[in-house]
Amino acid sequence: MCSSIENCLLSQQSIFNDYYNTKISIFFTKKGLMKRILM
């Protein structure tokens, strides 16, 4: 599995960050599309 606890935490952190970055970007693109439709 993991060679060390630190490596485990680092890989978890990057997966977590990727997940949230995609969620946030999708959220903002949706907001952007809504604004464009409303304008």
PDB file of N, CA and C in Angstrom:
ATOM      1  N   MET A   1       0.848  -1.205   0.000  1.00  0.00           N
ATOM      2  CA  MET A   1       0.000   0.000   0.000  1.00  0.00           C
ATOM      3  C   MET A   1       0.880   1.251   0.000  1.00  0.00           C
ATOM      4  N   CYS A   2       1.186   1.757   1.196  1.00  0.00           N
ATOM      5  CA  CYS A   2       1.974   2.982   1.309  1.00  0.00           C
ATOM      6  C   CYS A   2       3.320   2.689   1.953  1.00  0.00           C
ATOM      7  N   SER A   3       4.354   3.341   1.416  1.00  0.00           N
ATOM      8  CA  SER A   3       5.693   3.125   1.978  1.00  0.00           C
ATOM      9  C   SER A   3       5.823   3.808   3.329  1.00  0.00           C
ATOM     10  N   SER A   4       5.194   4.963   3.476  1.00  0.00           N
ATOM     11  CA  SER A   4       5.211   5.648   4.777  1.00  0.00           C
ATOM     12  C   SER A   4       3.910   6.391   5.002  1.00  0.00           C
ATOM     13  N   ILE A   5       3.675   6.763   6.224  1.00  0.00           N
ATOM     14  CA  ILE A   5       2.448   7.490   6.561  1.00  0.00           C
ATOM     15  C   ILE A   5       2.419   8.826   5.817  1.00  0.00           C
ATOM     16  N   GLU A   6       3.575   9.493   5.728  1.00  0.00           N
ATOM     17  CA  GLU A   6       3.626  10.790   5.033  1.00  0.00           C
ATOM     18  C   GLU A   6       3.219  10.656   3.579  1.00  0.00           C
ATOM     19  N   ASN A   7       3.749   9.629   2.902  1.00  0.00           N
ATOM     20  CA  ASN A   7       3.376   9.416   1.505  1.00  0.00           C
ATOM     21  C   ASN A   7       1.878   9.188   1.371  1.00  0.00           C
ATOM     22  N   CYS A   8       1.322   8.419   2.303  1.00  0.00           N
ATOM     23  CA  CYS A   8      -0.114   8.159   2.310  1.00  0.00           C
ATOM     24  C   CYS A   8      -0.888   9.469   2.394  1.00  0.00           C
ATOM     25  N   LEU A   9      -0.512  10.311   3.344  1.00  0.00           N
ATOM     26  CA  LEU A   9      -1.204  11.581   3.547  1.00  0.00           C
ATOM     27  C   LEU A   9      -1.058  12.482   2.337  1.00  0.00           C
ATOM     28  N   LEU A  10       0.141  12.512   1.742  1.00  0.00           N
ATOM     29  CA  LEU A  10       0.363  13.363   0.574  1.00  0.00           C
ATOM     30  C   LEU A  10      -0.511  12.937  -0.595  1.00  0.00           C
ATOM     31  N   SER A  11      -0.584  11.619  -0.847  1.00  0.00           N
ATOM     32  CA  SER A  11      -1.395  11.165  -1.968  1.00  0.00           C
ATOM     33  C   SER A  11      -2.879  11.432  -1.706  1.00  0.00           C
ATOM     34  N   GLN A  12      -3.308  11.233  -0.460  1.00  0.00           N
ATOM     35  CA  GLN A  12      -4.708  11.526  -0.109  1.00  0.00           C
ATOM     36  C   GLN A  12      -4.994  12.999  -0.354  1.00  0.00           C
ATOM     37  N   GLN A  13      -4.056  13.852   0.077  1.00  0.00           N
ATOM     38  CA  GLN A  13      -4.234  15.298  -0.056  1.00  0.00           C
ATOM     39  C   GLN A  13      -4.384  15.699  -1.520  1.00  0.00           C
ATOM     40  N   SER A  14      -3.551  15.154  -2.394  1.00  0.00           N
ATOM     41  CA  SER A  14      -3.629  15.555  -3.798  1.00  0.00           C
ATOM     42  C   SER A  14      -4.931  15.074  -4.439  1.00  0.00           C
ATOM     43  N   ILE A  15      -5.380  13.868  -4.073  1.00  0.00           N
ATOM     44  CA  ILE A  15      -6.654  13.360  -4.596  1.00  0.00           C
ATOM     45  C   ILE A  15      -7.788  14.274  -4.125  1.00  0.00           C
ATOM     46  N   PHE A  16      -7.742  14.635  -2.855  1.00  0.00           N
ATOM     47  CA  PHE A  16      -8.722  15.520  -2.244  1.00  0.00           C
ATOM     48  C   PHE A  16      -8.742  16.872  -2.961  1.00  0.00           C
ATOM     49  N   ASN A  17      -7.546  17.444  -3.201  1.00  0.00           N
ATOM     50  CA  ASN A  17      -7.450  18.730  -3.877  1.00  0.00           C
ATOM     51  C   ASN A  17      -8.000  18.651  -5.294  1.00  0.00           C
ATOM     52  N   ASP A  18      -7.659  17.597  -6.037  1.00  0.00           N
ATOM     53  CA  ASP A  18      -8.165  17.436  -7.396  1.00  0.00           C
ATOM     54  C   ASP A  18      -9.682  17.386  -7.380  1.00  0.00           C
ATOM     55  N   TYR A  19     -10.238  16.629  -6.455  1.00  0.00           N
ATOM     56  CA  TYR A  19     -11.678  16.481  -6.339  1.00  0.00           C
ATOM     57  C   TYR A  19     -12.347  17.837  -6.115  1.00  0.00           C
ATOM     58  N   TYR A  20     -11.809  18.603  -5.153  1.00  0.00           N
ATOM     59  CA  TYR A  20     -12.411  19.894  -4.874  1.00  0.00           C
ATOM     60  C   TYR A  20     -12.193  20.899  -5.978  1.00  0.00           C
ATOM     61  N   ASN A  21     -11.021  20.884  -6.631  1.00  0.00           N
ATOM     62  CA  ASN A  21     -10.785  21.800  -7.743  1.00  0.00           C
ATOM     63  C   ASN A  21     -11.782  21.554  -8.864  1.00  0.00           C
ATOM     64  N   THR A  22     -12.045  20.289  -9.194  1.00  0.00           N
ATOM     65  CA  THR A  22     -13.010  20.013 -10.260  1.00  0.00           C
ATOM     66  C   THR A  22     -14.402  20.424  -9.826  1.00  0.00           C
ATOM     67  N   LYS A  23     -14.782  20.138  -8.577  1.00  0.00           N
ATOM     68  CA  LYS A  23     -16.109  20.539  -8.094  1.00  0.00           C
ATOM     69  C   LYS A  23     -16.279  22.049  -8.167  1.00  0.00           C
ATOM     70  N   ILE A  24     -15.254  22.780  -7.718  1.00  0.00           N
ATOM     71  CA  ILE A  24     -15.333  24.243  -7.720  1.00  0.00           C
ATOM     72  C   ILE A  24     -15.391  24.775  -9.145  1.00  0.00           C
ATOM     73  N   SER A  25     -14.558  24.242 -10.046  1.00  0.00           N
ATOM     74  CA  SER A  25     -14.567  24.753 -11.412  1.00  0.00           C
ATOM     75  C   SER A  25     -15.894  24.461 -12.102  1.00  0.00           C
ATOM     76  N   ILE A  26     -16.468  23.281 -11.863  1.00  0.00           N
ATOM     77  CA  ILE A  26     -17.773  22.947 -12.435  1.00  0.00           C
ATOM     78  C   ILE A  26     -18.827  23.908 -11.889  1.00  0.00           C
ATOM     79  N   PHE A  27     -18.754  24.170 -10.590  1.00  0.00           N
ATOM     80  CA  PHE A  27     -19.690  25.086  -9.950  1.00  0.00           C
ATOM     81  C   PHE A  27     -19.616  26.464 -10.602  1.00  0.00           C
ATOM     82  N   PHE A  28     -18.384  26.969 -10.812  1.00  0.00           N
ATOM     83  CA  PHE A  28     -18.244  28.302 -11.394  1.00  0.00           C
ATOM     84  C   PHE A  28     -18.632  28.334 -12.863  1.00  0.00           C
ATOM     85  N   THR A  29     -18.370  27.264 -13.607  1.00  0.00           N
ATOM     86  CA  THR A  29     -18.799  27.268 -15.005  1.00  0.00           C
ATOM     87  C   THR A  29     -20.316  27.279 -15.067  1.00  0.00           C
ATOM     88  N   LYS A  30     -20.969  26.542 -14.175  1.00  0.00           N
ATOM     89  CA  LYS A  30     -22.430  26.554 -14.143  1.00  0.00           C
ATOM     90  C   LYS A  30     -22.935  27.957 -13.834  1.00  0.00           C
ATOM     91  N   LYS A  31     -22.311  28.619 -12.844  1.00  0.00           N
ATOM     92  CA  LYS A  31     -22.709  29.983 -12.511  1.00  0.00           C
ATOM     93  C   LYS A  31     -22.492  30.911 -13.704  1.00  0.00           C
ATOM     94  N   GLY A  32     -21.361  30.733 -14.393  1.00  0.00           N
ATOM     95  CA  GLY A  32     -21.047  31.554 -15.558  1.00  0.00           C
ATOM     96  C   GLY A  32     -22.081  31.368 -16.657  1.00  0.00           C
ATOM     97  N   LEU A  33     -22.488  30.114 -16.881  1.00  0.00           N
ATOM     98  CA  LEU A  33     -23.495  29.835 -17.897  1.00  0.00           C
ATOM     99  C   LEU A  33     -24.819  30.473 -17.523  1.00  0.00           C
ATOM    100  N   MET A  34     -25.185  30.399 -16.261  1.00  0.00           N
ATOM    101  CA  MET A  34     -26.427  31.010 -15.797  1.00  0.00           C
ATOM    102  C   MET A  34     -26.400  32.513 -16.058  1.00  0.00           C
ATOM    103  N   LYS A  35     -25.284  33.151 -15.717  1.00  0.00           N
ATOM    104  CA  LYS A  35     -25.165  34.592 -15.931  1.00  0.00           C
ATOM    105  C   LYS A  35     -25.306  34.929 -17.406  1.00  0.00           C
ATOM    106  N   ARG A  36     -24.655  34.118 -18.269  1.00  0.00           N
ATOM    107  CA  ARG A  36     -24.706  34.371 -19.703  1.00  0.00           C
ATOM    108  C   ARG A  36     -26.133  34.254 -20.217  1.00  0.00           C
ATOM    109  N   ILE A  37     -26.874  33.262 -19.710  1.00  0.00           N
ATOM    110  CA  ILE A  37     -28.265  33.063 -20.129  1.00  0.00           C
ATOM    111  C   ILE A  37     -29.123  34.235 -19.652  1.00  0.00           C
ATOM    112  N   LEU A  38     -28.884  34.688 -18.410  1.00  0.00           N
ATOM    113  CA  LEU A  38     -29.679  35.779 -17.853  1.00  0.00           C
ATOM    114  C   LEU A  38     -29.399  37.121 -18.524  1.00  0.00           C
ATOM    115  N   MET A  39     -28.171  37.335 -18.979  1.00  0.00           N
ATOM    116  CA  MET A  39     -27.816  38.616 -19.598  1.00  0.00           C
ATOM    117  C   MET A  39     -28.543  38.833 -20.928  1.00  0.00           C
TER     118      MET A  39
END
